[in-house]
Protein backbone atom coordinates (compact mmCIF):
# COMPACT_ATOMS: atom_id res chain seq x y z
CA MET A 1 -1.07 -19.65 0.34
CA SER A 2 1.45 -22.48 0.33
CA ILE A 3 2.39 -24.11 -2.96
CA SER A 4 2.63 -27.52 -1.31
CA ALA A 5 0.06 -30.02 -2.47
CA VAL A 6 -2.75 -31.32 -0.30
CA ASP A 7 -2.67 -35.12 -0.25
CA ASN A 8 -5.07 -35.52 -3.16
CA ALA A 9 -3.04 -38.12 -5.08
CA CYS A 10 -5.72 -40.77 -4.70
CA LEU A 11 -8.91 -38.74 -4.96
CA GLY A 12 -11.57 -40.48 -6.99
CA VAL A 13 -11.42 -44.27 -7.30
CA SER A 14 -8.31 -46.27 -6.47
CA PHE A 15 -7.64 -49.94 -5.82
CA THR A 16 -5.47 -51.67 -3.24
CA GLY A 17 -5.39 -55.46 -3.44
CA GLY A 18 -8.96 -56.65 -3.77
CA THR A 19 -10.51 -53.58 -2.19
CA GLY A 20 -11.48 -50.30 -3.81
CA ILE A 21 -11.74 -46.87 -2.22
CA VAL A 22 -13.48 -43.67 -3.31
CA ARG A 23 -12.25 -40.31 -2.02
CA VAL A 24 -13.99 -36.96 -2.48
CA TYR A 25 -13.11 -33.48 -1.20
CA SER A 26 -15.63 -31.30 0.63
CA ALA A 27 -14.87 -28.86 3.44
CA SER A 28 -18.50 -27.88 4.02
CA ALA A 29 -20.44 -31.16 3.84
CA THR A 30 -21.80 -32.71 7.03
CA ASP A 31 -22.70 -36.10 5.51
CA MET A 32 -21.72 -37.91 2.34
CA TRP A 33 -22.65 -41.23 0.72
CA LEU A 34 -21.26 -43.34 -2.11
CA VAL A 35 -24.17 -44.48 -4.28
CA ILE A 36 -23.56 -47.59 -6.43
CA VAL A 37 -26.13 -47.97 -9.20
CA ASP A 38 -27.05 -50.59 -11.77
CA ALA A 39 -24.98 -50.35 -14.95
CA GLU A 40 -28.08 -50.77 -17.14
CA ASP A 41 -30.51 -48.70 -15.07
CA SER A 42 -28.93 -45.84 -13.13
CA SER A 43 -32.20 -45.21 -11.28
CA LYS A 44 -31.74 -48.58 -9.56
CA ILE A 45 -29.54 -48.20 -6.49
CA LEU A 46 -27.57 -51.34 -5.65
CA ASN A 47 -25.93 -50.05 -2.49
CA GLU A 48 -25.35 -46.87 -0.55
CA ILE A 49 -22.25 -46.59 1.63
CA ASP A 50 -21.54 -43.98 4.28
CA MET A 51 -18.44 -41.91 3.54
CA HIS A 52 -16.31 -40.61 6.39
CA ARG A 53 -14.39 -37.36 6.69
CA GLY A 54 -10.63 -37.71 7.09
CA ASP A 55 -7.62 -35.41 6.99
CA ASN A 56 -7.79 -32.33 4.74
CA ASP A 57 -11.58 -32.68 4.40
CA ILE A 58 -11.24 -35.78 2.25
CA TRP A 59 -14.24 -38.10 2.53
CA SER A 60 -13.79 -41.79 1.77
CA ALA A 61 -15.61 -45.09 1.45
CA THR A 62 -14.07 -48.56 1.11
CA SER A 63 -15.76 -51.66 -0.24
CA PRO A 64 -15.04 -54.79 -2.30
CA GLU A 65 -17.92 -53.58 -4.51
CA ILE A 66 -15.69 -50.75 -5.75
CA VAL A 67 -14.28 -52.30 -8.91
CA PRO A 68 -13.55 -51.21 -12.50
CA GLY A 69 -16.86 -50.84 -14.31
CA MET A 70 -18.72 -49.72 -11.19
CA HIS A 71 -21.38 -47.10 -11.96
CA TYR A 72 -21.65 -44.66 -9.09
CA GLY A 73 -22.33 -41.18 -7.81
CA ILE A 74 -22.03 -39.14 -4.63
CA ARG A 75 -24.75 -37.72 -2.41
CA ALA A 76 -23.87 -34.92 -0.01
CA ASP A 77 -25.66 -32.98 2.71
CA GLY A 78 -24.56 -29.86 4.50
CA PRO A 79 -25.48 -26.43 5.86
CA VAL A 80 -28.11 -24.13 4.41
CA GLY A 81 -27.01 -20.65 3.44
CA PRO A 82 -26.34 -18.31 0.53
CA ARG A 83 -22.95 -19.87 -0.23
CA HIS A 84 -24.22 -23.46 -0.16
CA ALA A 85 -26.33 -25.59 -2.51
CA PHE A 86 -26.56 -28.97 -0.80
CA ASN A 87 -29.35 -31.32 -1.86
CA LYS A 88 -28.94 -34.80 -0.44
CA ASP A 89 -31.40 -36.21 -2.99
CA LEU A 90 -29.11 -35.46 -5.94
CA VAL A 91 -26.64 -38.11 -7.12
CA LEU A 92 -23.57 -36.13 -8.17
CA LEU A 93 -20.61 -36.80 -10.44
CA ASP A 94 -17.31 -37.54 -8.74
CA PRO A 95 -15.00 -34.67 -9.84
CA TYR A 96 -12.16 -37.18 -10.24
CA SER A 97 -14.07 -39.88 -12.14
CA HIS A 98 -12.17 -40.98 -15.24
CA GLY A 99 -15.34 -42.25 -16.89
CA VAL A 100 -18.63 -40.39 -17.28
CA LYS A 101 -21.73 -41.97 -18.82
CA ARG A 102 -24.52 -39.85 -20.27
CA ILE A 103 -27.95 -41.09 -19.26
CA ASN A 104 -29.98 -38.30 -20.87
CA ASN A 105 -29.79 -34.51 -21.39
CA ARG A 106 -29.89 -33.92 -17.65
CA ASP A 107 -28.38 -36.98 -16.01
CA TYR A 108 -24.83 -38.33 -15.98
CA ILE A 109 -23.18 -41.00 -13.85
CA SER A 110 -19.57 -41.70 -12.89
CA VAL A 111 -17.94 -44.95 -13.98
CA ALA A 112 -14.80 -46.50 -12.44
CA THR A 113 -12.24 -47.41 -15.11
CA SER A 114 -8.95 -49.24 -15.49
CA ASN A 115 -5.64 -47.76 -16.66
CA ASP A 116 -4.61 -50.93 -18.50
CA PHE A 117 -3.54 -50.14 -22.06
CA ASP A 118 -0.83 -51.30 -24.46
CA TRP A 119 1.15 -48.31 -25.71
CA GLN A 120 3.28 -50.72 -27.76
CA GLY A 121 6.46 -48.91 -26.81
CA VAL A 122 5.42 -45.74 -28.64
CA ALA A 123 6.79 -42.64 -26.90
CA LYS A 124 5.93 -38.96 -27.05
CA PRO A 125 7.62 -37.14 -29.98
CA ASN A 126 9.04 -34.45 -27.62
CA ILE A 127 9.37 -31.83 -30.33
CA PRO A 128 11.31 -28.72 -29.18
CA MET A 129 9.08 -25.68 -28.76
CA ASP A 130 11.04 -23.65 -31.31
CA GLN A 131 10.36 -26.34 -33.92
CA THR A 132 6.69 -26.76 -33.08
CA ILE A 133 4.00 -25.97 -35.68
CA ILE A 134 0.54 -26.22 -34.14
CA TYR A 135 -2.63 -27.11 -36.04
CA GLU A 136 -5.72 -26.15 -34.03
CA ALA A 137 -8.60 -28.51 -34.74
CA HIS A 138 -11.96 -29.70 -33.48
CA ALA A 139 -11.92 -33.38 -32.58
CA ARG A 140 -15.17 -33.94 -34.47
CA GLY A 141 -14.90 -31.34 -37.22
CA LEU A 142 -11.41 -32.35 -38.35
CA THR A 143 -12.61 -35.65 -39.85
CA ARG A 144 -16.39 -35.35 -40.04
CA ASN A 145 -16.56 -34.82 -43.83
CA ASN A 146 -13.51 -36.79 -44.95
CA PRO A 147 -14.75 -39.27 -47.60
CA GLU A 148 -11.62 -41.41 -47.16
CA ILE A 149 -12.68 -42.33 -43.63
CA PRO A 150 -15.44 -44.94 -43.04
CA ASP A 151 -18.73 -43.36 -41.99
CA ASP A 152 -18.65 -44.90 -38.51
CA LEU A 153 -15.22 -43.37 -37.81
CA ARG A 154 -15.81 -39.87 -39.14
CA GLY A 155 -15.87 -37.19 -36.44
CA THR A 156 -14.49 -39.50 -33.76
CA TYR A 157 -11.36 -40.14 -31.74
CA ALA A 158 -10.73 -43.11 -34.01
CA GLY A 159 -10.97 -40.80 -37.02
CA LEU A 160 -8.11 -38.69 -35.66
CA ALA A 161 -5.75 -41.64 -36.11
CA HIS A 162 -7.07 -42.82 -39.47
CA PRO A 163 -4.24 -43.10 -42.04
CA SER A 164 -5.79 -40.38 -44.23
CA THR A 165 -5.90 -37.94 -41.29
CA ILE A 166 -2.28 -38.63 -40.41
CA ALA A 167 -1.22 -38.38 -44.06
CA HIS A 168 -2.92 -34.98 -44.34
CA LEU A 169 -1.24 -33.63 -41.20
CA LEU A 170 2.16 -34.84 -42.36
CA LYS A 171 1.60 -33.39 -45.84
CA ILE A 172 0.87 -29.88 -44.55
CA GLY A 173 3.91 -30.03 -42.28
CA VAL A 174 2.46 -29.56 -38.80
CA THR A 175 4.13 -31.14 -35.78
CA SER A 176 1.31 -30.89 -33.24
CA VAL A 177 -2.47 -31.08 -33.23
CA GLU A 178 -4.15 -28.86 -30.63
CA LEU A 179 -7.64 -30.21 -30.00
CA LEU A 180 -10.42 -27.92 -28.89
CA PRO A 181 -11.80 -29.12 -25.52
CA ILE A 182 -12.38 -32.87 -25.24
CA HIS A 183 -13.00 -33.05 -21.50
CA GLN A 184 -16.54 -34.20 -20.70
CA LEU A 185 -18.81 -31.25 -21.39
CA ILE A 186 -22.49 -30.46 -20.99
CA SER A 187 -24.50 -28.20 -23.28
CA GLU A 188 -26.04 -25.10 -21.75
CA PRO A 189 -29.75 -25.44 -20.82
CA HIS A 190 -30.84 -22.71 -23.27
CA LEU A 191 -29.20 -24.62 -26.13
CA ILE A 192 -30.87 -27.87 -25.15
CA LYS A 193 -34.27 -26.10 -25.07
CA MET A 194 -33.66 -25.03 -28.68
CA GLY A 195 -32.71 -28.57 -29.71
CA LEU A 196 -29.06 -27.57 -30.07
CA TYR A 197 -25.82 -28.56 -28.35
CA ASN A 198 -22.50 -26.93 -27.50
CA TYR A 199 -20.27 -27.71 -30.47
CA TRP A 200 -17.06 -25.92 -29.47
CA GLY A 201 -16.75 -27.63 -26.09
CA TYR A 202 -15.90 -24.79 -23.71
CA ASN A 203 -18.33 -25.93 -21.01
CA THR A 204 -16.60 -28.67 -19.01
CA ILE A 205 -18.20 -30.71 -16.23
CA ASN A 206 -15.36 -33.19 -15.59
CA TYR A 207 -11.61 -32.69 -16.07
CA PHE A 208 -10.59 -36.36 -16.25
CA ALA A 209 -13.12 -38.05 -18.54
CA PRO A 210 -13.12 -37.69 -22.34
CA HIS A 211 -16.29 -36.33 -23.91
CA HIS A 212 -18.58 -39.12 -25.08
CA ARG A 213 -19.80 -37.42 -28.28
CA TYR A 214 -16.39 -37.74 -29.96
CA ALA A 215 -16.18 -41.50 -29.49
CA THR A 216 -17.51 -43.95 -32.06
CA VAL A 217 -21.03 -45.24 -31.53
CA ALA A 218 -19.55 -48.66 -30.83
CA ALA A 219 -17.34 -47.24 -28.07
CA GLN A 220 -20.20 -45.20 -26.62
CA ASN A 221 -22.36 -48.32 -26.47
CA ALA A 222 -19.53 -50.29 -24.85
CA GLY A 223 -19.05 -47.62 -22.17
CA PRO A 224 -16.47 -45.16 -20.83
CA GLN A 225 -13.61 -47.68 -20.74
CA ALA A 226 -13.96 -48.27 -24.47
CA MET A 227 -14.05 -44.51 -25.11
CA ILE A 228 -10.85 -44.00 -23.13
CA ASP A 229 -9.13 -46.83 -25.00
CA GLU A 230 -10.25 -45.40 -28.35
CA LEU A 231 -8.77 -42.02 -27.46
CA LYS A 232 -5.54 -43.59 -26.19
CA THR A 233 -5.26 -45.51 -29.45
CA ALA A 234 -5.62 -42.27 -31.42
CA ILE A 235 -2.94 -40.57 -29.32
CA ARG A 236 -0.62 -43.57 -29.71
CA GLU A 237 -0.99 -43.66 -33.50
CA LEU A 238 -0.47 -39.91 -33.86
CA HIS A 239 2.67 -40.25 -31.73
CA ARG A 240 3.80 -43.18 -33.87
CA ALA A 241 3.67 -40.80 -36.83
CA GLY A 242 5.66 -38.18 -34.89
CA ILE A 243 2.67 -35.89 -34.27
CA GLU A 244 2.06 -34.39 -30.83
CA VAL A 245 -1.37 -33.97 -29.22
CA ILE A 246 -2.08 -30.77 -27.27
CA LEU A 247 -5.36 -30.16 -25.43
CA ASP A 248 -7.27 -26.91 -25.08
CA VAL A 249 -8.39 -27.06 -21.43
CA VAL A 250 -11.10 -25.06 -19.67
CA TYR A 251 -10.23 -25.01 -15.98
CA ASN A 252 -11.50 -21.46 -15.43
CA HIS A 253 -15.20 -22.31 -15.02
CA THR A 254 -17.55 -25.31 -15.09
CA SER A 255 -20.78 -26.06 -16.91
CA GLU A 256 -22.83 -25.61 -13.72
CA GLY A 257 -23.24 -21.94 -14.70
CA GLY A 258 -24.27 -19.16 -12.31
CA SER A 259 -25.78 -19.51 -8.86
CA ARG A 260 -29.13 -20.49 -10.37
CA GLY A 261 -27.60 -23.01 -12.76
CA LEU A 262 -28.06 -26.76 -12.66
CA THR A 263 -26.14 -28.85 -10.15
CA TYR A 264 -24.13 -31.79 -11.46
CA SER A 265 -21.05 -32.09 -9.26
CA TYR A 266 -18.96 -29.35 -7.64
CA ARG A 267 -21.86 -27.12 -6.54
CA GLY A 268 -23.61 -29.98 -4.78
CA LEU A 269 -20.43 -31.24 -3.13
CA ASP A 270 -19.22 -27.87 -1.82
CA SER A 271 -20.23 -24.73 -3.70
CA SER A 272 -18.62 -22.54 -1.06
CA SER A 273 -15.19 -24.09 -1.64
CA TYR A 274 -15.16 -24.72 -5.39
CA TYR A 275 -16.59 -21.39 -6.62
CA ARG A 276 -15.50 -17.81 -6.02
CA GLN A 277 -18.36 -16.09 -4.15
CA ASP A 278 -19.02 -13.31 -1.69
CA ASP A 279 -20.75 -13.91 1.65
CA ALA A 280 -24.14 -13.25 0.04
CA GLY A 281 -23.54 -16.08 -2.42
CA ASN A 282 -22.99 -13.82 -5.43
CA TYR A 283 -20.56 -15.43 -7.85
CA HIS A 284 -17.46 -13.45 -8.80
CA ASP A 285 -17.43 -14.31 -12.50
CA THR A 286 -14.27 -13.38 -14.41
CA THR A 287 -15.04 -15.78 -17.27
CA GLY A 288 -18.35 -14.49 -18.62
CA CYS A 289 -19.76 -18.01 -18.20
CA GLY A 290 -21.63 -17.66 -14.91
CA ASN A 291 -18.97 -18.88 -12.48
CA SER A 292 -15.25 -18.98 -11.83
CA LEU A 293 -13.46 -21.73 -9.96
CA ASN A 294 -11.85 -20.53 -6.74
CA PHE A 295 -8.10 -20.73 -7.24
CA GLY A 296 -7.61 -19.18 -3.83
CA ASN A 297 -8.43 -22.69 -2.52
CA PRO A 298 -5.46 -25.12 -2.56
CA HIS A 299 -7.83 -28.04 -3.25
CA VAL A 300 -8.97 -26.40 -6.49
CA VAL A 301 -5.32 -25.88 -7.43
CA ASP A 302 -4.74 -29.58 -6.73
CA LEU A 303 -7.71 -30.50 -8.94
CA VAL A 304 -6.02 -28.85 -11.92
CA ILE A 305 -2.56 -30.27 -11.16
CA ASP A 306 -4.01 -33.77 -10.75
CA SER A 307 -5.97 -33.46 -14.00
CA LEU A 308 -2.90 -32.22 -15.90
CA GLY A 309 -0.82 -35.05 -14.46
CA TYR A 310 -3.39 -37.65 -15.46
CA TRP A 311 -3.62 -36.42 -19.04
CA ALA A 312 0.12 -35.84 -19.43
CA ASN A 313 1.17 -39.22 -18.03
CA GLU A 314 -1.69 -41.71 -18.19
CA MET A 315 -3.15 -40.34 -21.45
CA GLN A 316 0.26 -39.31 -22.84
CA ILE A 317 -0.80 -35.78 -23.84
CA ASP A 318 2.06 -33.53 -24.99
CA GLY A 319 0.83 -30.09 -23.95
CA PHE A 320 -2.02 -27.86 -22.83
CA ARG A 321 -3.49 -24.55 -23.92
CA PHE A 322 -5.22 -22.88 -20.96
CA ASP A 323 -8.47 -21.10 -21.79
CA LEU A 324 -8.88 -17.74 -19.99
CA ALA A 325 -5.72 -18.45 -18.05
CA THR A 326 -5.79 -15.24 -16.00
CA THR A 327 -8.66 -16.68 -13.93
CA LEU A 328 -6.43 -19.63 -13.00
CA ALA A 329 -3.91 -17.27 -11.42
CA ARG A 330 -6.22 -15.09 -9.35
CA ASP A 331 -5.40 -15.14 -5.62
CA THR A 332 -7.66 -14.99 -2.57
CA SER A 333 -8.37 -11.30 -3.31
CA ASN A 334 -9.29 -12.18 -6.93
CA THR A 335 -6.16 -10.42 -8.22
CA PHE A 336 -3.86 -11.88 -10.87
CA ASP A 337 -0.62 -13.13 -9.33
CA PRO A 338 2.23 -14.10 -11.71
CA ASN A 339 3.66 -16.10 -8.80
CA HIS A 340 0.36 -17.88 -8.09
CA PRO A 341 0.68 -21.38 -6.53
CA LEU A 342 -0.94 -22.98 -9.58
CA LEU A 343 1.54 -21.38 -11.98
CA ARG A 344 4.45 -22.24 -9.68
CA ARG A 345 3.39 -25.86 -9.46
CA ILE A 346 2.84 -26.19 -13.22
CA VAL A 347 6.42 -24.99 -13.70
CA GLU A 348 7.93 -27.05 -10.87
CA ASP A 349 5.97 -30.33 -11.00
CA GLU A 350 8.31 -33.12 -12.15
CA GLY A 351 5.38 -35.02 -13.61
CA LEU A 352 4.78 -32.13 -16.00
CA SER A 353 8.40 -31.68 -17.02
CA GLY A 354 8.75 -31.21 -20.77
CA VAL A 355 5.02 -30.74 -21.30
CA LYS A 356 4.13 -27.70 -23.42
CA MET A 357 2.15 -25.05 -21.52
CA ILE A 358 0.36 -22.29 -23.44
CA ALA A 359 -1.64 -19.50 -21.75
CA GLU A 360 -4.52 -17.57 -23.23
CA PRO A 361 -3.41 -14.52 -21.20
CA TRP A 362 -6.69 -12.80 -20.37
CA ASP A 363 -10.12 -13.06 -18.80
CA VAL A 364 -13.02 -10.61 -18.48
CA GLY A 365 -12.35 -9.52 -14.88
CA LEU A 366 -10.56 -6.42 -13.61
CA GLY A 367 -6.89 -6.57 -14.55
CA GLY A 368 -7.66 -9.46 -16.84
CA TRP A 369 -5.33 -8.60 -19.73
CA GLN A 370 -2.03 -10.23 -18.78
CA THR A 371 -0.10 -10.72 -22.03
CA GLY A 372 3.53 -11.20 -21.02
CA GLY A 373 2.58 -11.66 -17.38
CA PHE A 374 2.89 -15.43 -17.16
CA PRO A 375 6.09 -17.27 -16.12
CA ASP A 376 8.26 -19.04 -18.68
């Protein structure tokens, strides 16, 4: 497998002049549609646009209706078979959407967002690794019970940057806060049936959008753009105080679960390409979570590199801790490869230069314990 990137730089929504374009990867789909829905009522379809397959199995649609704030999803159709799960009636999340809006326990919709934000000249602290002291924290739990923080800010992104939070972190002498997963997550169906939700966050459905639950109610009501801006503000103010922000990231599996799990995005777009399966459709699960992303596919490698680049540069994140990192470095034969294209590209990508990379060096598959096996 080559380490060169597929041309995925503009997957998701991008804008050129007055026209927007949406690009989605699927090698197996036979038809695909961009579905634009009403911002207030996602069941109301405003327009449906045919998407066309281009180079490298990238499907695209162009329209002046594609603008920041657009609420949208993707429908896909394709072959029937044990490795496929196409259902053209489902409106799916765009894997590259930077905004995700929760409609209810089952339904989510993608939202196009803008990258406009004033960082006020605040730069990353760039603390040397040998001087780094990491404080692992839950984005909600860290501030949820702090009486010095106003009630509406407790347990939120805004609460992370409250003066009392920053004063506490400085007092105890840490240099870096490592947040448990804040990518958009979905609670497992069995938890929802019990009236519970996934607190720890290791059940991601989108690797670009921040999780809605950790935003203030005001930001949630205003929409994904406001949630992104609230998180950026928190990162900026932590940086202003000289404190780094590291993210715990869960690229090894998604919240779609096993082969009988619910379909939100990747499975409906191209289950055969995104997930590691045998010809009978049995998932090769090295995560213990029902599925494993297929890092023998260069497009899946690109998904992670593009997500890391977005968070490191657009969101100004200082580092990443990779959950069950051995799964990320399994080759086409499902064997750990210390020279895997994903690991090579993380090390060599100029856009990730200086970003801290931390591996949890195991998974639950054969040969999964790889302490000391990852590159510098």
